[in-house]
Amino acid sequence: MTTPPEPTPWATGLLVSVFVAVVTMVGVVAFGVTLAHIHPLLAVGFNLVAVGGAAPTVYRWRNLPVWRWVVYGVTAGVVSGWITLLFGAL
């Protein structure tokens, strides 16, 4: 006899995703602004290297039951952080 799969924990998962997105966005913006004061190309290069280095690990986590919520948060945080940096530079 097989047991039915457990329901998806939407409330907890979305809470984790939002928290991770906020922490990631703050980190991306803080590093980006600080490095942009030194040189704007340094900020762009550092962000590309950091995200490019973390992307393979985060991509592997996307199908794990708990870690997928973290992946959604990291992705949203990086994208919103880059948008914030872009509009802050204008």
PDB file of N, CA and C in Angstrom:
ATOM      1  N   MET A   1       0.844  -1.172   0.000  1.00  0.00           N
ATOM      2  CA  MET A   1       0.000   0.000   0.000  1.00  0.00           C
ATOM      3  C   MET A   1       0.901   1.250   0.000  1.00  0.00           C
ATOM      4  N   THR A   2       0.657   2.154  -0.898  1.00  0.00           N
ATOM      5  CA  THR A   2       1.447   3.373  -0.987  1.00  0.00           C
ATOM      6  C   THR A   2       0.708   4.524  -0.313  1.00  0.00           C
ATOM      7  N   THR A   3       1.498   5.414   0.229  1.00  0.00           N
ATOM      8  CA  THR A   3       0.896   6.587   0.867  1.00  0.00           C
ATOM      9  C   THR A   3       0.824   7.716  -0.151  1.00  0.00           C
ATOM     10  N   PRO A   4      -0.224   8.502  -0.085  1.00  0.00           N
ATOM     11  CA  PRO A   4      -0.333   9.628  -1.026  1.00  0.00           C
ATOM     12  C   PRO A   4       0.737  10.673  -0.720  1.00  0.00           C
ATOM     13  N   PRO A   5       1.175  11.404  -1.734  1.00  0.00           N
ATOM     14  CA  PRO A   5       2.186  12.435  -1.496  1.00  0.00           C
ATOM     15  C   PRO A   5       1.642  13.547  -0.592  1.00  0.00           C
ATOM     16  N   GLU A   6       2.547  14.132   0.150  1.00  0.00           N
ATOM     17  CA  GLU A   6       2.145  15.230   1.034  1.00  0.00           C
ATOM     18  C   GLU A   6       1.823  16.467   0.209  1.00  0.00           C
ATOM     19  N   PRO A   7       0.912  17.304   0.689  1.00  0.00           N
ATOM     20  CA  PRO A   7       0.588  18.535  -0.055  1.00  0.00           C
ATOM     21  C   PRO A   7       1.768  19.519  -0.028  1.00  0.00           C
ATOM     22  N   THR A   8       1.797  20.362  -1.022  1.00  0.00           N
ATOM     23  CA  THR A   8       2.861  21.362  -1.112  1.00  0.00           C
ATOM     24  C   THR A   8       2.651  22.427  -0.035  1.00  0.00           C
ATOM     25  N   PRO A   9       3.707  22.724   0.751  1.00  0.00           N
ATOM     26  CA  PRO A   9       3.577  23.735   1.818  1.00  0.00           C
ATOM     27  C   PRO A   9       3.721  25.149   1.263  1.00  0.00           C
ATOM     28  N   TRP A  10       2.676  25.644   0.640  1.00  0.00           N
ATOM     29  CA  TRP A  10       2.749  26.934  -0.045  1.00  0.00           C
ATOM     30  C   TRP A  10       3.062  28.092   0.900  1.00  0.00           C
ATOM     31  N   ALA A  11       2.412  28.161   2.022  1.00  0.00           N
ATOM     32  CA  ALA A  11       2.614  29.306   2.926  1.00  0.00           C
ATOM     33  C   ALA A  11       4.045  29.351   3.433  1.00  0.00           C
ATOM     34  N   THR A  12       4.552  28.241   3.915  1.00  0.00           N
ATOM     35  CA  THR A  12       5.926  28.202   4.421  1.00  0.00           C
ATOM     36  C   THR A  12       6.928  28.415   3.297  1.00  0.00           C
ATOM     37  N   GLY A  13       6.681  27.780   2.154  1.00  0.00           N
ATOM     38  CA  GLY A  13       7.593  27.919   1.027  1.00  0.00           C
ATOM     39  C   GLY A  13       7.688  29.341   0.513  1.00  0.00           C
ATOM     40  N   LEU A  14       6.554  30.003   0.385  1.00  0.00           N
ATOM     41  CA  LEU A  14       6.571  31.387  -0.087  1.00  0.00           C
ATOM     42  C   LEU A  14       7.222  32.323   0.929  1.00  0.00           C
ATOM     43  N   LEU A  15       7.029  32.034   2.216  1.00  0.00           N
ATOM     44  CA  LEU A  15       7.685  32.832   3.250  1.00  0.00           C
ATOM     45  C   LEU A  15       9.205  32.695   3.155  1.00  0.00           C
ATOM     46  N   VAL A  16       9.677  31.482   2.958  1.00  0.00           N
ATOM     47  CA  VAL A  16      11.113  31.252   2.791  1.00  0.00           C
ATOM     48  C   VAL A  16      11.614  31.961   1.538  1.00  0.00           C
ATOM     49  N   SER A  17      10.876  31.863   0.453  1.00  0.00           N
ATOM     50  CA  SER A  17      11.279  32.513  -0.805  1.00  0.00           C
ATOM     51  C   SER A  17      11.375  34.025  -0.651  1.00  0.00           C
ATOM     52  N   VAL A  18      10.402  34.630   0.002  1.00  0.00           N
ATOM     53  CA  VAL A  18      10.417  36.086   0.193  1.00  0.00           C
ATOM     54  C   VAL A  18      11.587  36.500   1.070  1.00  0.00           C
ATOM     55  N   PHE A  19      11.825  35.760   2.158  1.00  0.00           N
ATOM     56  CA  PHE A  19      12.939  36.088   3.043  1.00  0.00           C
ATOM     57  C   PHE A  19      14.276  35.989   2.313  1.00  0.00           C
ATOM     58  N   VAL A  20      14.476  34.907   1.569  1.00  0.00           N
ATOM     59  CA  VAL A  20      15.726  34.727   0.822  1.00  0.00           C
ATOM     60  C   VAL A  20      15.858  35.793  -0.260  1.00  0.00           C
ATOM     61  N   ALA A  21      14.759  36.163  -0.905  1.00  0.00           N
ATOM     62  CA  ALA A  21      14.808  37.200  -1.943  1.00  0.00           C
ATOM     63  C   ALA A  21      15.225  38.545  -1.360  1.00  0.00           C
ATOM     64  N   VAL A  22      14.695  38.892  -0.204  1.00  0.00           N
ATOM     65  CA  VAL A  22      15.052  40.173   0.419  1.00  0.00           C
ATOM     66  C   VAL A  22      16.522  40.183   0.836  1.00  0.00           C
ATOM     67  N   VAL A  23      16.980  39.112   1.463  1.00  0.00           N
ATOM     68  CA  VAL A  23      18.383  39.043   1.895  1.00  0.00           C
ATOM     69  C   VAL A  23      19.321  39.088   0.685  1.00  0.00           C
ATOM     70  N   THR A  24      18.975  38.361  -0.367  1.00  0.00           N
ATOM     71  CA  THR A  24      19.799  38.349  -1.579  1.00  0.00           C
ATOM     72  C   THR A  24      19.812  39.714  -2.245  1.00  0.00           C
ATOM     73  N   MET A  25      18.655  40.357  -2.342  1.00  0.00           N
ATOM     74  CA  MET A  25      18.584  41.671  -2.970  1.00  0.00           C
ATOM     75  C   MET A  25      19.424  42.690  -2.192  1.00  0.00           C
ATOM     76  N   VAL A  26      19.332  42.676  -0.875  1.00  0.00           N
ATOM     77  CA  VAL A  26      20.117  43.606  -0.067  1.00  0.00           C
ATOM     78  C   VAL A  26      21.609  43.358  -0.286  1.00  0.00           C
ATOM     79  N   GLY A  27      22.013  42.103  -0.342  1.00  0.00           N
ATOM     80  CA  GLY A  27      23.421  41.792  -0.577  1.00  0.00           C
ATOM     81  C   GLY A  27      23.903  42.250  -1.940  1.00  0.00           C
ATOM     82  N   VAL A  28      23.112  41.991  -2.971  1.00  0.00           N
ATOM     83  CA  VAL A  28      23.492  42.397  -4.335  1.00  0.00           C
ATOM     84  C   VAL A  28      23.580  43.913  -4.433  1.00  0.00           C
ATOM     85  N   VAL A  29      22.613  44.614  -3.876  1.00  0.00           N
ATOM     86  CA  VAL A  29      22.617  46.079  -3.955  1.00  0.00           C
ATOM     87  C   VAL A  29      23.754  46.663  -3.122  1.00  0.00           C
ATOM     88  N   ALA A  30      23.990  46.129  -1.934  1.00  0.00           N
ATOM     89  CA  ALA A  30      25.059  46.655  -1.079  1.00  0.00           C
ATOM     90  C   ALA A  30      26.426  46.488  -1.728  1.00  0.00           C
ATOM     91  N   PHE A  31      26.700  45.283  -2.249  1.00  0.00           N
ATOM     92  CA  PHE A  31      27.983  45.073  -2.915  1.00  0.00           C
ATOM     93  C   PHE A  31      28.080  45.903  -4.189  1.00  0.00           C
ATOM     94  N   GLY A  32      26.972  45.982  -4.945  1.00  0.00           N
ATOM     95  CA  GLY A  32      26.994  46.732  -6.192  1.00  0.00           C
ATOM     96  C   GLY A  32      27.237  48.214  -5.984  1.00  0.00           C
ATOM     97  N   VAL A  33      26.568  48.804  -5.008  1.00  0.00           N
ATOM     98  CA  VAL A  33      26.741  50.244  -4.743  1.00  0.00           C
ATOM     99  C   VAL A  33      28.152  50.526  -4.232  1.00  0.00           C
ATOM    100  N   THR A  34      28.634  49.692  -3.329  1.00  0.00           N
ATOM    101  CA  THR A  34      29.970  49.893  -2.777  1.00  0.00           C
ATOM    102  C   THR A  34      31.033  49.782  -3.863  1.00  0.00           C
ATOM    103  N   LEU A  35      30.923  48.771  -4.712  1.00  0.00           N
ATOM    104  CA  LEU A  35      31.908  48.613  -5.780  1.00  0.00           C
ATOM    105  C   LEU A  35      31.744  49.673  -6.861  1.00  0.00           C
ATOM    106  N   ALA A  36      30.537  50.167  -7.069  1.00  0.00           N
ATOM    107  CA  ALA A  36      30.327  51.217  -8.063  1.00  0.00           C
ATOM    108  C   ALA A  36      30.986  52.527  -7.644  1.00  0.00           C
ATOM    109  N   HIS A  37      31.138  52.729  -6.336  1.00  0.00           N
ATOM    110  CA  HIS A  37      31.849  53.926  -5.876  1.00  0.00           C
ATOM    111  C   HIS A  37      33.328  53.842  -6.246  1.00  0.00           C
ATOM    112  N   ILE A  38      33.856  52.643  -6.337  1.00  0.00           N
ATOM    113  CA  ILE A  38      35.248  52.466  -6.748  1.00  0.00           C
ATOM    114  C   ILE A  38      35.350  52.595  -8.262  1.00  0.00           C
ATOM    115  N   HIS A  39      34.590  51.751  -8.973  1.00  0.00           N
ATOM    116  CA  HIS A  39      34.525  51.820 -10.431  1.00  0.00           C
ATOM    117  C   HIS A  39      33.293  51.043 -10.897  1.00  0.00           C
ATOM    118  N   PRO A  40      32.483  51.611 -11.783  1.00  0.00           N
ATOM    119  CA  PRO A  40      31.254  50.928 -12.212  1.00  0.00           C
ATOM    120  C   PRO A  40      31.496  49.579 -12.885  1.00  0.00           C
ATOM    121  N   LEU A  41      32.565  49.455 -13.655  1.00  0.00           N
ATOM    122  CA  LEU A  41      32.847  48.177 -14.304  1.00  0.00           C
ATOM    123  C   LEU A  41      33.221  47.098 -13.288  1.00  0.00           C
ATOM    124  N   LEU A  42      33.801  47.504 -12.184  1.00  0.00           N
ATOM    125  CA  LEU A  42      34.109  46.560 -11.116  1.00  0.00           C
ATOM    126  C   LEU A  42      32.820  45.990 -10.529  1.00  0.00           C
ATOM    127  N   ALA A  43      31.815  46.812 -10.361  1.00  0.00           N
ATOM    128  CA  ALA A  43      30.527  46.353  -9.835  1.00  0.00           C
ATOM    129  C   ALA A  43      29.867  45.381 -10.803  1.00  0.00           C
ATOM    130  N   VAL A  44      29.883  45.697 -12.084  1.00  0.00           N
ATOM    131  CA  VAL A  44      29.275  44.821 -13.088  1.00  0.00           C
ATOM    132  C   VAL A  44      30.029  43.493 -13.157  1.00  0.00           C
ATOM    133  N   GLY A  45      31.337  43.571 -13.207  1.00  0.00           N
ATOM    134  CA  GLY A  45      32.149  42.354 -13.285  1.00  0.00           C
ATOM    135  C   GLY A  45      31.984  41.465 -12.066  1.00  0.00           C
ATOM    136  N   PHE A  46      31.986  42.065 -10.880  1.00  0.00           N
ATOM    137  CA  PHE A  46      31.841  41.283  -9.659  1.00  0.00           C
ATOM    138  C   PHE A  46      30.483  40.594  -9.606  1.00  0.00           C
ATOM    139  N   ASN A  47      29.430  41.308  -9.977  1.00  0.00           N
ATOM    140  CA  ASN A  47      28.093  40.707  -9.977  1.00  0.00           C
ATOM    141  C   ASN A  47      27.997  39.554 -10.966  1.00  0.00           C
ATOM    142  N   LEU A  48      28.560  39.712 -12.141  1.00  0.00           N
ATOM    143  CA  LEU A  48      28.509  38.636 -13.130  1.00  0.00           C
ATOM    144  C   LEU A  48      29.297  37.412 -12.673  1.00  0.00           C
ATOM    145  N   VAL A  49      30.465  37.631 -12.082  1.00  0.00           N
ATOM    146  CA  VAL A  49      31.270  36.508 -11.599  1.00  0.00           C
ATOM    147  C   VAL A  49      30.591  35.818 -10.422  1.00  0.00           C
ATOM    148  N   ALA A  50      30.036  36.582  -9.501  1.00  0.00           N
ATOM    149  CA  ALA A  50      29.385  35.993  -8.329  1.00  0.00           C
ATOM    150  C   ALA A  50      28.153  35.179  -8.723  1.00  0.00           C
ATOM    151  N   VAL A  51      27.323  35.736  -9.574  1.00  0.00           N
ATOM    152  CA  VAL A  51      26.115  35.022 -10.001  1.00  0.00           C
ATOM    153  C   VAL A  51      26.482  33.841 -10.893  1.00  0.00           C
ATOM    154  N   GLY A  52      27.443  34.028 -11.764  1.00  0.00           N
ATOM    155  CA  GLY A  52      27.883  32.925 -12.620  1.00  0.00           C
ATOM    156  C   GLY A  52      28.492  31.780 -11.830  1.00  0.00           C
ATOM    157  N   GLY A  53      29.166  32.092 -10.740  1.00  0.00           N
ATOM    158  CA  GLY A  53      29.754  31.045  -9.906  1.00  0.00           C
ATOM    159  C   GLY A  53      28.724  30.309  -9.075  1.00  0.00           C
ATOM    160  N   ALA A  54      27.688  31.007  -8.633  1.00  0.00           N
ATOM    161  CA  ALA A  54      26.657  30.379  -7.802  1.00  0.00           C
ATOM    162  C   ALA A  54      25.585  29.682  -8.632  1.00  0.00           C
ATOM    163  N   ALA A  55      25.444  30.053  -9.884  1.00  0.00           N
ATOM    164  CA  ALA A  55      24.365  29.526 -10.713  1.00  0.00           C
ATOM    165  C   ALA A  55      24.357  28.001 -10.849  1.00  0.00           C
ATOM    166  N   PRO A  56      25.488  27.334 -11.073  1.00  0.00           N
ATOM    167  CA  PRO A  56      25.418  25.871 -11.202  1.00  0.00           C
ATOM    168  C   PRO A  56      24.905  25.170  -9.946  1.00  0.00           C
ATOM    169  N   THR A  57      25.315  25.626  -8.785  1.00  0.00           N
ATOM    170  CA  THR A  57      24.843  25.025  -7.543  1.00  0.00           C
ATOM    171  C   THR A  57      23.360  25.285  -7.343  1.00  0.00           C
ATOM    172  N   VAL A  58      22.940  26.505  -7.557  1.00  0.00           N
ATOM    173  CA  VAL A  58      21.534  26.855  -7.388  1.00  0.00           C
ATOM    174  C   VAL A  58      20.678  26.095  -8.405  1.00  0.00           C
ATOM    175  N   TYR A  59      21.181  25.923  -9.603  1.00  0.00           N
ATOM    176  CA  TYR A  59      20.435  25.204 -10.638  1.00  0.00           C
ATOM    177  C   TYR A  59      20.220  23.738 -10.252  1.00  0.00           C
ATOM    178  N   ARG A  60      21.205  23.133  -9.602  1.00  0.00           N
ATOM    179  CA  ARG A  60      21.056  21.744  -9.158  1.00  0.00           C
ATOM    180  C   ARG A  60      20.033  21.612  -8.036  1.00  0.00           C
ATOM    181  N   TRP A  61      19.847  22.635  -7.239  1.00  0.00           N
ATOM    182  CA  TRP A  61      18.919  22.596  -6.114  1.00  0.00           C
ATOM    183  C   TRP A  61      17.464  22.752  -6.532  1.00  0.00           C
ATOM    184  N   ARG A  62      17.185  23.121  -7.757  1.00  0.00           N
ATOM    185  CA  ARG A  62      15.829  23.493  -8.165  1.00  0.00           C
ATOM    186  C   ARG A  62      14.809  22.375  -8.037  1.00  0.00           C
ATOM    187  N   ASN A  63      15.212  21.111  -8.039  1.00  0.00           N
ATOM    188  CA  ASN A  63      14.264  19.998  -7.948  1.00  0.00           C
ATOM    189  C   ASN A  63      14.184  19.371  -6.568  1.00  0.00           C
ATOM    190  N   LEU A  64      14.981  19.832  -5.612  1.00  0.00           N
ATOM    191  CA  LEU A  64      14.924  19.296  -4.259  1.00  0.00           C
ATOM    192  C   LEU A  64      13.733  19.903  -3.528  1.00  0.00           C
ATOM    193  N   PRO A  65      12.975  19.104  -2.792  1.00  0.00           N
ATOM    194  CA  PRO A  65      11.711  19.576  -2.211  1.00  0.00           C
ATOM    195  C   PRO A  65      11.812  20.839  -1.363  1.00  0.00           C
ATOM    196  N   VAL A  66      12.789  20.958  -0.507  1.00  0.00           N
ATOM    197  CA  VAL A  66      12.876  22.136   0.356  1.00  0.00           C
ATOM    198  C   VAL A  66      13.672  23.250  -0.310  1.00  0.00           C
ATOM    199  N   TRP A  67      14.754  22.895  -0.966  1.00  0.00           N
ATOM    200  CA  TRP A  67      15.659  23.893  -1.531  1.00  0.00           C
ATOM    201  C   TRP A  67      15.086  24.639  -2.726  1.00  0.00           C
ATOM    202  N   ARG A  68      14.045  24.109  -3.346  1.00  0.00           N
ATOM    203  CA  ARG A  68      13.477  24.824  -4.498  1.00  0.00           C
ATOM    204  C   ARG A  68      12.938  26.189  -4.099  1.00  0.00           C
ATOM    205  N   TRP A  69      12.443  26.321  -2.854  1.00  0.00           N
ATOM    206  CA  TRP A  69      11.950  27.617  -2.386  1.00  0.00           C
ATOM    207  C   TRP A  69      13.100  28.605  -2.247  1.00  0.00           C
ATOM    208  N   VAL A  70      14.250  28.116  -1.815  1.00  0.00           N
ATOM    209  CA  VAL A  70      15.435  28.966  -1.716  1.00  0.00           C
ATOM    210  C   VAL A  70      15.869  29.412  -3.111  1.00  0.00           C
ATOM    211  N   VAL A  71      15.811  28.494  -4.077  1.00  0.00           N
ATOM    212  CA  VAL A  71      16.181  28.830  -5.456  1.00  0.00           C
ATOM    213  C   VAL A  71      15.281  29.930  -6.006  1.00  0.00           C
ATOM    214  N   TYR A  72      13.984  29.816  -5.758  1.00  0.00           N
ATOM    215  CA  TYR A  72      13.067  30.863  -6.224  1.00  0.00           C
ATOM    216  C   TYR A  72      13.417  32.211  -5.588  1.00  0.00           C
ATOM    217  N   GLY A  73      13.743  32.202  -4.311  1.00  0.00           N
ATOM    218  CA  GLY A  73      14.097  33.439  -3.622  1.00  0.00           C
ATOM    219  C   GLY A  73      15.394  34.042  -4.116  1.00  0.00           C
ATOM    220  N   VAL A  74      16.405  33.196  -4.321  1.00  0.00           N
ATOM    221  CA  VAL A  74      17.693  33.690  -4.827  1.00  0.00           C
ATOM    222  C   VAL A  74      17.518  34.299  -6.218  1.00  0.00           C
ATOM    223  N   THR A  75      16.772  33.617  -7.055  1.00  0.00           N
ATOM    224  CA  THR A  75      16.545  34.127  -8.414  1.00  0.00           C
ATOM    225  C   THR A  75      15.819  35.471  -8.387  1.00  0.00           C
ATOM    226  N   ALA A  76      14.771  35.559  -7.607  1.00  0.00           N
ATOM    227  CA  ALA A  76      14.022  36.818  -7.515  1.00  0.00           C
ATOM    228  C   ALA A  76      14.883  37.915  -6.889  1.00  0.00           C
ATOM    229  N   GLY A  77      15.693  37.574  -5.896  1.00  0.00           N
ATOM    230  CA  GLY A  77      16.545  38.562  -5.239  1.00  0.00           C
ATOM    231  C   GLY A  77      17.619  39.119  -6.154  1.00  0.00           C
ATOM    232  N   VAL A  78      18.241  38.249  -6.945  1.00  0.00           N
ATOM    233  CA  VAL A  78      19.280  38.715  -7.869  1.00  0.00           C
ATOM    234  C   VAL A  78      18.674  39.603  -8.946  1.00  0.00           C
ATOM    235  N   VAL A  79      17.569  39.175  -9.511  1.00  0.00           N
ATOM    236  CA  VAL A  79      16.932  39.976 -10.568  1.00  0.00           C
ATOM    237  C   VAL A  79      16.464  41.323 -10.025  1.00  0.00           C
ATOM    238  N   SER A  80      15.811  41.328  -8.866  1.00  0.00           N
ATOM    239  CA  SER A  80      15.351  42.606  -8.307  1.00  0.00           C
ATOM    240  C   SER A  80      16.523  43.469  -7.850  1.00  0.00           C
ATOM    241  N   GLY A  81      17.596  42.865  -7.386  1.00  0.00           N
ATOM    242  CA  GLY A  81      18.785  43.634  -7.019  1.00  0.00           C
ATOM    243  C   GLY A  81      19.428  44.292  -8.226  1.00  0.00           C
ATOM    244  N   TRP A  82      19.507  43.557  -9.335  1.00  0.00           N
ATOM    245  CA  TRP A  82      20.058  44.137 -10.553  1.00  0.00           C
ATOM    246  C   TRP A  82      19.176  45.265 -11.081  1.00  0.00           C
ATOM    247  N   ILE A  83      17.869  45.096 -11.011  1.00  0.00           N
ATOM    248  CA  ILE A  83      16.952  46.161 -11.454  1.00  0.00           C
ATOM    249  C   ILE A  83      17.116  47.390 -10.554  1.00  0.00           C
ATOM    250  N   THR A  84      17.250  47.175  -9.252  1.00  0.00           N
ATOM    251  CA  THR A  84      17.461  48.292  -8.324  1.00  0.00           C
ATOM    252  C   THR A  84      18.766  49.017  -8.623  1.00  0.00           C
ATOM    253  N   LEU A  85      19.825  48.255  -8.897  1.00  0.00           N
ATOM    254  CA  LEU A  85      21.107  48.890  -9.234  1.00  0.00           C
ATOM    255  C   LEU A  85      21.013  49.651 -10.546  1.00  0.00           C
ATOM    256  N   LEU A  86      20.299  49.092 -11.505  1.00  0.00           N
ATOM    257  CA  LEU A  86      20.168  49.750 -12.801  1.00  0.00           C
ATOM    258  C   LEU A  86      19.425  51.081 -12.666  1.00  0.00           C
ATOM    259  N   PHE A  87      18.302  51.074 -11.933  1.00  0.00           N
ATOM    260  CA  PHE A  87      17.557  52.321 -11.766  1.00  0.00           C
ATOM    261  C   PHE A  87      18.277  53.298 -10.848  1.00  0.00           C
ATOM    262  N   GLY A  88      19.096  52.791  -9.936  1.00  0.00           N
ATOM    263  CA  GLY A  88      19.883  53.661  -9.076  1.00  0.00           C
ATOM    264  C   GLY A  88      21.005  54.349  -9.827  1.00  0.00           C
ATOM    265  N   ALA A  89      21.467  53.727 -10.921  1.00  0.00           N
ATOM    266  CA  ALA A  89      22.549  54.298 -11.723  1.00  0.00           C
ATOM    267  C   ALA A  89      22.050  55.375 -12.667  1.00  0.00           C
ATOM    268  N   LEU A  90      20.740  55.382 -12.935  1.00  0.00           N
ATOM    269  CA  LEU A  90      20.200  56.375 -13.902  1.00  0.00           C
ATOM    270  C   LEU A  90      20.072  57.723 -13.312  1.00  0.00           C
TER     271      LEU A  90
END
